[in-house]
Amino acid sequence: MNDDELLRQELRSAREELVRKRTSEDTASAESRLPLMPERDEAFIRLALMSVEELETHIERLERDLADLQEGVERPDE
């Protein structure tokens, strides 16, 4: 699997988690504990521990990284 696909999967999972948190009736518990949801991708379980604000920031970063990758921008560590 290439970097592009990995970024897309994480972005999809982050967006799904953000929707879960925003639609939760009890937002305090949605942000403070990890609910058991079998449809979560275990590779991205850490997203469930993020707050809404942290998820929004993470999604913005993933979108920028994906755009850079598609435009051929090299990572600074390469």
PDB file of N, CA and C in Angstrom:
ATOM      1  N   MET A   1       0.856  -1.177   0.000  1.00  0.00           N
ATOM      2  CA  MET A   1       0.000   0.000   0.000  1.00  0.00           C
ATOM      3  C   MET A   1       0.897   1.233   0.000  1.00  0.00           C
ATOM      4  N   ASN A   2       0.568   2.219  -0.811  1.00  0.00           N
ATOM      5  CA  ASN A   2       1.405   3.409  -0.918  1.00  0.00           C
ATOM      6  C   ASN A   2       0.971   4.501   0.057  1.00  0.00           C
ATOM      7  N   ASP A   3       1.793   5.550   0.143  1.00  0.00           N
ATOM      8  CA  ASP A   3       1.520   6.653   1.067  1.00  0.00           C
ATOM      9  C   ASP A   3       0.181   7.323   0.785  1.00  0.00           C
ATOM     10  N   ASP A   4      -0.145   7.459  -0.478  1.00  0.00           N
ATOM     11  CA  ASP A   4      -1.400   8.096  -0.873  1.00  0.00           C
ATOM     12  C   ASP A   4      -2.596   7.351  -0.281  1.00  0.00           C
ATOM     13  N   GLU A   5      -2.591   6.052  -0.409  1.00  0.00           N
ATOM     14  CA  GLU A   5      -3.708   5.237   0.099  1.00  0.00           C
ATOM     15  C   GLU A   5      -3.758   5.257   1.625  1.00  0.00           C
ATOM     16  N   LEU A   6      -2.607   5.222   2.277  1.00  0.00           N
ATOM     17  CA  LEU A   6      -2.570   5.290   3.742  1.00  0.00           C
ATOM     18  C   LEU A   6      -3.138   6.611   4.253  1.00  0.00           C
ATOM     19  N   LEU A   7      -2.767   7.707   3.591  1.00  0.00           N
ATOM     20  CA  LEU A   7      -3.306   9.016   3.978  1.00  0.00           C
ATOM     21  C   LEU A   7      -4.813   9.076   3.778  1.00  0.00           C
ATOM     22  N   ARG A   8      -5.272   8.522   2.672  1.00  0.00           N
ATOM     23  CA  ARG A   8      -6.717   8.510   2.406  1.00  0.00           C
ATOM     24  C   ARG A   8      -7.480   7.702   3.460  1.00  0.00           C
ATOM     25  N   GLN A   9      -6.932   6.572   3.860  1.00  0.00           N
ATOM     26  CA  GLN A   9      -7.588   5.749   4.875  1.00  0.00           C
ATOM     27  C   GLN A   9      -7.640   6.478   6.218  1.00  0.00           C
ATOM     28  N   GLU A  10      -6.526   7.102   6.599  1.00  0.00           N
ATOM     29  CA  GLU A  10      -6.518   7.817   7.876  1.00  0.00           C
ATOM     30  C   GLU A  10      -7.452   9.019   7.831  1.00  0.00           C
ATOM     31  N   LEU A  11      -7.485   9.721   6.711  1.00  0.00           N
ATOM     32  CA  LEU A  11      -8.378  10.860   6.557  1.00  0.00           C
ATOM     33  C   LEU A  11      -9.832  10.424   6.660  1.00  0.00           C
ATOM     34  N   ARG A  12     -10.172   9.326   6.024  1.00  0.00           N
ATOM     35  CA  ARG A  12     -11.536   8.782   6.090  1.00  0.00           C
ATOM     36  C   ARG A  12     -11.901   8.417   7.530  1.00  0.00           C
ATOM     37  N   SER A  13     -10.994   7.765   8.220  1.00  0.00           N
ATOM     38  CA  SER A  13     -11.246   7.379   9.611  1.00  0.00           C
ATOM     39  C   SER A  13     -11.379   8.595  10.520  1.00  0.00           C
ATOM     40  N   ALA A  14     -10.549   9.608  10.288  1.00  0.00           N
ATOM     41  CA  ALA A  14     -10.620  10.831  11.100  1.00  0.00           C
ATOM     42  C   ALA A  14     -11.945  11.546  10.877  1.00  0.00           C
ATOM     43  N   ARG A  15     -12.383  11.604   9.637  1.00  0.00           N
ATOM     44  CA  ARG A  15     -13.675  12.246   9.349  1.00  0.00           C
ATOM     45  C   ARG A  15     -14.831  11.479   9.988  1.00  0.00           C
ATOM     46  N   GLU A  16     -14.771  10.152   9.928  1.00  0.00           N
ATOM     47  CA  GLU A  16     -15.822   9.335  10.548  1.00  0.00           C
ATOM     48  C   GLU A  16     -15.849   9.554  12.058  1.00  0.00           C
ATOM     49  N   GLU A  17     -14.687   9.629  12.666  1.00  0.00           N
ATOM     50  CA  GLU A  17     -14.618   9.851  14.111  1.00  0.00           C
ATOM     51  C   GLU A  17     -15.151  11.234  14.473  1.00  0.00           C
ATOM     52  N   LEU A  18     -14.854  12.221  13.661  1.00  0.00           N
ATOM     53  CA  LEU A  18     -15.358  13.575  13.901  1.00  0.00           C
ATOM     54  C   LEU A  18     -16.882  13.597  13.833  1.00  0.00           C
ATOM     55  N   VAL A  19     -17.449  12.898  12.867  1.00  0.00           N
ATOM     56  CA  VAL A  19     -18.912  12.808  12.753  1.00  0.00           C
ATOM     57  C   VAL A  19     -19.494  12.122  13.984  1.00  0.00           C
ATOM     58  N   ARG A  20     -18.865  11.045  14.436  1.00  0.00           N
ATOM     59  CA  ARG A  20     -19.334  10.351  15.642  1.00  0.00           C
ATOM     60  C   ARG A  20     -19.374  11.292  16.840  1.00  0.00           C
ATOM     61  N   LYS A  21     -18.313  12.059  16.988  1.00  0.00           N
ATOM     62  CA  LYS A  21     -18.233  12.958  18.142  1.00  0.00           C
ATOM     63  C   LYS A  21     -19.249  14.100  18.037  1.00  0.00           C
ATOM     64  N   ARG A  22     -19.424  14.623  16.842  1.00  0.00           N
ATOM     65  CA  ARG A  22     -20.361  15.743  16.664  1.00  0.00           C
ATOM     66  C   ARG A  22     -21.817  15.307  16.816  1.00  0.00           C
ATOM     67  N   THR A  23     -22.115  14.061  16.465  1.00  0.00           N
ATOM     68  CA  THR A  23     -23.501  13.598  16.539  1.00  0.00           C
ATOM     69  C   THR A  23     -23.829  12.921  17.858  1.00  0.00           C
ATOM     70  N   SER A  24     -22.849  12.798  18.710  1.00  0.00           N
ATOM     71  CA  SER A  24     -23.074  12.171  20.010  1.00  0.00           C
ATOM     72  C   SER A  24     -23.995  13.049  20.849  1.00  0.00           C
ATOM     73  N   GLU A  25     -24.958  12.449  21.497  1.00  0.00           N
ATOM     74  CA  GLU A  25     -25.878  13.204  22.351  1.00  0.00           C
ATOM     75  C   GLU A  25     -25.179  13.733  23.596  1.00  0.00           C
ATOM     76  N   ASP A  26     -24.227  12.995  24.095  1.00  0.00           N
ATOM     77  CA  ASP A  26     -23.512  13.383  25.298  1.00  0.00           C
ATOM     78  C   ASP A  26     -22.072  13.706  24.899  1.00  0.00           C
ATOM     79  N   THR A  27     -21.821  14.946  24.487  1.00  0.00           N
ATOM     80  CA  THR A  27     -20.503  15.302  23.968  1.00  0.00           C
ATOM     81  C   THR A  27     -19.409  15.194  25.009  1.00  0.00           C
ATOM     82  N   ALA A  28     -19.710  15.394  26.255  1.00  0.00           N
ATOM     83  CA  ALA A  28     -18.679  15.279  27.287  1.00  0.00           C
ATOM     84  C   ALA A  28     -18.127  13.859  27.352  1.00  0.00           C
ATOM     85  N   SER A  29     -19.010  12.866  27.317  1.00  0.00           N
ATOM     86  CA  SER A  29     -18.524  11.492  27.380  1.00  0.00           C
ATOM     87  C   SER A  29     -17.889  11.072  26.058  1.00  0.00           C
ATOM     88  N   ALA A  30     -18.325  11.654  24.954  1.00  0.00           N
ATOM     89  CA  ALA A  30     -17.746  11.310  23.660  1.00  0.00           C
ATOM     90  C   ALA A  30     -16.291  11.740  23.585  1.00  0.00           C
ATOM     91  N   GLU A  31     -15.934  12.803  24.286  1.00  0.00           N
ATOM     92  CA  GLU A  31     -14.571  13.284  24.223  1.00  0.00           C
ATOM     93  C   GLU A  31     -13.705  12.732  25.338  1.00  0.00           C
ATOM     94  N   SER A  32     -14.287  12.198  26.375  1.00  0.00           N
ATOM     95  CA  SER A  32     -13.492  11.807  27.524  1.00  0.00           C
ATOM     96  C   SER A  32     -13.224  10.309  27.624  1.00  0.00           C
ATOM     97  N   ARG A  33     -13.915   9.477  26.836  1.00  0.00           N
ATOM     98  CA  ARG A  33     -13.669   8.045  26.933  1.00  0.00           C
ATOM     99  C   ARG A  33     -13.799   7.401  25.562  1.00  0.00           C
ATOM    100  N   LEU A  34     -13.316   6.212  25.463  1.00  0.00           N
ATOM    101  CA  LEU A  34     -13.310   5.481  24.209  1.00  0.00           C
ATOM    102  C   LEU A  34     -14.487   4.524  24.158  1.00  0.00           C
ATOM    103  N   PRO A  35     -15.540   4.861  23.412  1.00  0.00           N
ATOM    104  CA  PRO A  35     -16.673   3.934  23.317  1.00  0.00           C
ATOM    105  C   PRO A  35     -16.298   2.705  22.490  1.00  0.00           C
ATOM    106  N   LEU A  36     -16.930   1.610  22.792  1.00  0.00           N
ATOM    107  CA  LEU A  36     -16.659   0.387  22.050  1.00  0.00           C
ATOM    108  C   LEU A  36     -17.503   0.382  20.777  1.00  0.00           C
ATOM    109  N   MET A  37     -16.840   0.463  19.654  1.00  0.00           N
ATOM    110  CA  MET A  37     -17.523   0.467  18.360  1.00  0.00           C
ATOM    111  C   MET A  37     -16.774  -0.471  17.435  1.00  0.00           C
ATOM    112  N   PRO A  38     -17.362  -1.585  17.079  1.00  0.00           N
ATOM    113  CA  PRO A  38     -16.656  -2.588  16.289  1.00  0.00           C
ATOM    114  C   PRO A  38     -16.278  -2.127  14.883  1.00  0.00           C
ATOM    115  N   GLU A  39     -16.932  -1.111  14.352  1.00  0.00           N
ATOM    116  CA  GLU A  39     -16.620  -0.698  12.984  1.00  0.00           C
ATOM    117  C   GLU A  39     -15.383   0.183  12.891  1.00  0.00           C
ATOM    118  N   ARG A  40     -14.781   0.536  14.017  1.00  0.00           N
ATOM    119  CA  ARG A  40     -13.562   1.350  14.000  1.00  0.00           C
ATOM    120  C   ARG A  40     -12.391   0.547  13.442  1.00  0.00           C
ATOM    121  N   ASP A  41     -11.574   1.224  12.654  1.00  0.00           N
ATOM    122  CA  ASP A  41     -10.352   0.622  12.138  1.00  0.00           C
ATOM    123  C   ASP A  41      -9.318   0.647  13.258  1.00  0.00           C
ATOM    124  N   GLU A  42      -8.853  -0.516  13.686  1.00  0.00           N
ATOM    125  CA  GLU A  42      -7.927  -0.596  14.813  1.00  0.00           C
ATOM    126  C   GLU A  42      -6.637   0.171  14.563  1.00  0.00           C
ATOM    127  N   ALA A  43      -6.243   0.325  13.326  1.00  0.00           N
ATOM    128  CA  ALA A  43      -5.021   1.057  13.018  1.00  0.00           C
ATOM    129  C   ALA A  43      -5.136   2.535  13.393  1.00  0.00           C
ATOM    130  N   PHE A  44      -6.360   3.037  13.460  1.00  0.00           N
ATOM    131  CA  PHE A  44      -6.574   4.452  13.747  1.00  0.00           C
ATOM    132  C   PHE A  44      -7.369   4.664  15.032  1.00  0.00           C
ATOM    133  N   ILE A  45      -7.280   3.734  15.960  1.00  0.00           N
ATOM    134  CA  ILE A  45      -8.046   3.811  17.201  1.00  0.00           C
ATOM    135  C   ILE A  45      -7.672   5.061  18.004  1.00  0.00           C
ATOM    136  N   ARG A  46      -6.446   5.563  17.834  1.00  0.00           N
ATOM    137  CA  ARG A  46      -6.023   6.767  18.553  1.00  0.00           C
ATOM    138  C   ARG A  46      -6.893   7.974  18.219  1.00  0.00           C
ATOM    139  N   LEU A  47      -7.546   7.955  17.071  1.00  0.00           N
ATOM    140  CA  LEU A  47      -8.415   9.068  16.686  1.00  0.00           C
ATOM    141  C   LEU A  47      -9.586   9.200  17.652  1.00  0.00           C
ATOM    142  N   ALA A  48     -10.020   8.092  18.226  1.00  0.00           N
ATOM    143  CA  ALA A  48     -11.141   8.118  19.168  1.00  0.00           C
ATOM    144  C   ALA A  48     -10.784   8.855  20.449  1.00  0.00           C
ATOM    145  N   LEU A  49      -9.507   8.972  20.730  1.00  0.00           N
ATOM    146  CA  LEU A  49      -9.063   9.649  21.943  1.00  0.00           C
ATOM    147  C   LEU A  49      -8.883  11.151  21.744  1.00  0.00           C
ATOM    148  N   MET A  50      -8.991  11.611  20.514  1.00  0.00           N
ATOM    149  CA  MET A  50      -8.817  13.033  20.224  1.00  0.00           C
ATOM    150  C   MET A  50     -10.113  13.798  20.471  1.00  0.00           C
ATOM    151  N   SER A  51      -9.966  15.061  20.824  1.00  0.00           N
ATOM    152  CA  SER A  51     -11.128  15.936  20.967  1.00  0.00           C
ATOM    153  C   SER A  51     -11.592  16.374  19.572  1.00  0.00           C
ATOM    154  N   VAL A  52     -12.741  17.016  19.521  1.00  0.00           N
ATOM    155  CA  VAL A  52     -13.255  17.527  18.247  1.00  0.00           C
ATOM    156  C   VAL A  52     -12.250  18.497  17.626  1.00  0.00           C
ATOM    157  N   GLU A  53     -11.706  19.391  18.430  1.00  0.00           N
ATOM    158  CA  GLU A  53     -10.743  20.375  17.929  1.00  0.00           C
ATOM    159  C   GLU A  53      -9.475  19.703  17.412  1.00  0.00           C
ATOM    160  N   GLU A  54      -9.006  18.705  18.143  1.00  0.00           N
ATOM    161  CA  GLU A  54      -7.810  17.981  17.699  1.00  0.00           C
ATOM    162  C   GLU A  54      -8.073  17.233  16.398  1.00  0.00           C
ATOM    163  N   LEU A  55      -9.251  16.655  16.272  1.00  0.00           N
ATOM    164  CA  LEU A  55      -9.602  15.959  15.029  1.00  0.00           C
ATOM    165  C   LEU A  55      -9.676  16.925  13.856  1.00  0.00           C
ATOM    166  N   GLU A  56     -10.275  18.085  14.067  1.00  0.00           N
ATOM    167  CA  GLU A  56     -10.360  19.077  12.988  1.00  0.00           C
ATOM    168  C   GLU A  56      -8.968  19.482  12.515  1.00  0.00           C
ATOM    169  N   THR A  57      -8.059  19.718  13.456  1.00  0.00           N
ATOM    170  CA  THR A  57      -6.685  20.082  13.113  1.00  0.00           C
ATOM    171  C   THR A  57      -5.985  18.929  12.396  1.00  0.00           C
ATOM    172  N   HIS A  58      -6.185  17.719  12.880  1.00  0.00           N
ATOM    173  CA  HIS A  58      -5.565  16.538  12.273  1.00  0.00           C
ATOM    174  C   HIS A  58      -6.066  16.342  10.841  1.00  0.00           C
ATOM    175  N   ILE A  59      -7.346  16.526  10.626  1.00  0.00           N
ATOM    176  CA  ILE A  59      -7.928  16.399   9.286  1.00  0.00           C
ATOM    177  C   ILE A  59      -7.330  17.436   8.345  1.00  0.00           C
ATOM    178  N   GLU A  60      -7.178  18.670   8.811  1.00  0.00           N
ATOM    179  CA  GLU A  60      -6.565  19.716   7.973  1.00  0.00           C
ATOM    180  C   GLU A  60      -5.149  19.322   7.573  1.00  0.00           C
ATOM    181  N   ARG A  61      -4.397  18.781   8.522  1.00  0.00           N
ATOM    182  CA  ARG A  61      -3.020  18.353   8.221  1.00  0.00           C
ATOM    183  C   ARG A  61      -3.006  17.211   7.212  1.00  0.00           C
ATOM    184  N   LEU A  62      -3.890  16.243   7.399  1.00  0.00           N
ATOM    185  CA  LEU A  62      -3.952  15.118   6.462  1.00  0.00           C
ATOM    186  C   LEU A  62      -4.320  15.594   5.057  1.00  0.00           C
ATOM    187  N   GLU A  63      -5.260  16.525   4.975  1.00  0.00           N
ATOM    188  CA  GLU A  63      -5.655  17.056   3.662  1.00  0.00           C
ATOM    189  C   GLU A  63      -4.483  17.767   2.990  1.00  0.00           C
ATOM    190  N   ARG A  64      -3.716  18.543   3.768  1.00  0.00           N
ATOM    191  CA  ARG A  64      -2.524  19.215   3.214  1.00  0.00           C
ATOM    192  C   ARG A  64      -1.484  18.195   2.774  1.00  0.00           C
ATOM    193  N   ASP A  65      -1.241  17.180   3.598  1.00  0.00           N
ATOM    194  CA  ASP A  65      -0.262  16.151   3.245  1.00  0.00           C
ATOM    195  C   ASP A  65      -0.665  15.417   1.979  1.00  0.00           C
ATOM    196  N   LEU A  66      -1.932  15.098   1.861  1.00  0.00           N
ATOM    197  CA  LEU A  66      -2.421  14.402   0.669  1.00  0.00           C
ATOM    198  C   LEU A  66      -2.278  15.281  -0.571  1.00  0.00           C
ATOM    199  N   ALA A  67      -2.613  16.556  -0.447  1.00  0.00           N
ATOM    200  CA  ALA A  67      -2.463  17.485  -1.571  1.00  0.00           C
ATOM    201  C   ALA A  67      -0.992  17.608  -1.975  1.00  0.00           C
ATOM    202  N   ASP A  68      -0.119  17.713  -0.986  1.00  0.00           N
ATOM    203  CA  ASP A  68       1.320  17.799  -1.282  1.00  0.00           C
ATOM    204  C   ASP A  68       1.810  16.547  -1.982  1.00  0.00           C
ATOM    205  N   LEU A  69       1.365  15.401  -1.515  1.00  0.00           N
ATOM    206  CA  LEU A  69       1.778  14.135  -2.119  1.00  0.00           C
ATOM    207  C   LEU A  69       1.307  14.046  -3.567  1.00  0.00           C
ATOM    208  N   GLN A  70       0.085  14.480  -3.821  1.00  0.00           N
ATOM    209  CA  GLN A  70      -0.455  14.431  -5.183  1.00  0.00           C
ATOM    210  C   GLN A  70       0.241  15.428  -6.106  1.00  0.00           C
ATOM    211  N   GLU A  71       0.703  16.545  -5.530  1.00  0.00           N
ATOM    212  CA  GLU A  71       1.402  17.556  -6.338  1.00  0.00           C
ATOM    213  C   GLU A  71       2.894  17.252  -6.480  1.00  0.00           C
ATOM    214  N   GLY A  72       3.347  16.227  -5.779  1.00  0.00           N
ATOM    215  CA  GLY A  72       4.746  15.838  -5.895  1.00  0.00           C
ATOM    216  C   GLY A  72       5.682  16.611  -4.999  1.00  0.00           C
ATOM    217  N   VAL A  73       5.174  17.258  -3.966  1.00  0.00           N
ATOM    218  CA  VAL A  73       6.027  17.988  -3.043  1.00  0.00           C
ATOM    219  C   VAL A  73       6.760  16.980  -2.176  1.00  0.00           C
ATOM    220  N   GLU A  74       8.074  17.139  -2.083  1.00  0.00           N
ATOM    221  CA  GLU A  74       8.903  16.216  -1.309  1.00  0.00           C
ATOM    222  C   GLU A  74       8.822  16.520   0.166  1.00  0.00           C
ATOM    223  N   ARG A  75       8.895  15.487   0.993  1.00  0.00           N
ATOM    224  CA  ARG A  75       8.931  15.664   2.439  1.00  0.00           C
ATOM    225  C   ARG A  75      10.289  16.246   2.825  1.00  0.00           C
ATOM    226  N   PRO A  76      10.336  17.073   3.881  1.00  0.00           N
ATOM    227  CA  PRO A  76      11.603  17.710   4.275  1.00  0.00           C
ATOM    228  C   PRO A  76      12.684  16.733   4.717  1.00  0.00           C
ATOM    229  N   ASP A  77      12.298  15.566   5.210  1.00  0.00           N
ATOM    230  CA  ASP A  77      13.291  14.615   5.699  1.00  0.00           C
ATOM    231  C   ASP A  77      13.874  13.738   4.609  1.00  0.00           C
ATOM    232  N   GLU A  78      13.489  13.959   3.370  1.00  0.00           N
ATOM    233  CA  GLU A  78      14.014  13.141   2.267  1.00  0.00           C
ATOM    234  C   GLU A  78      15.125  13.858   1.553  1.00  0.00           C
TER     235      GLU A  78
END
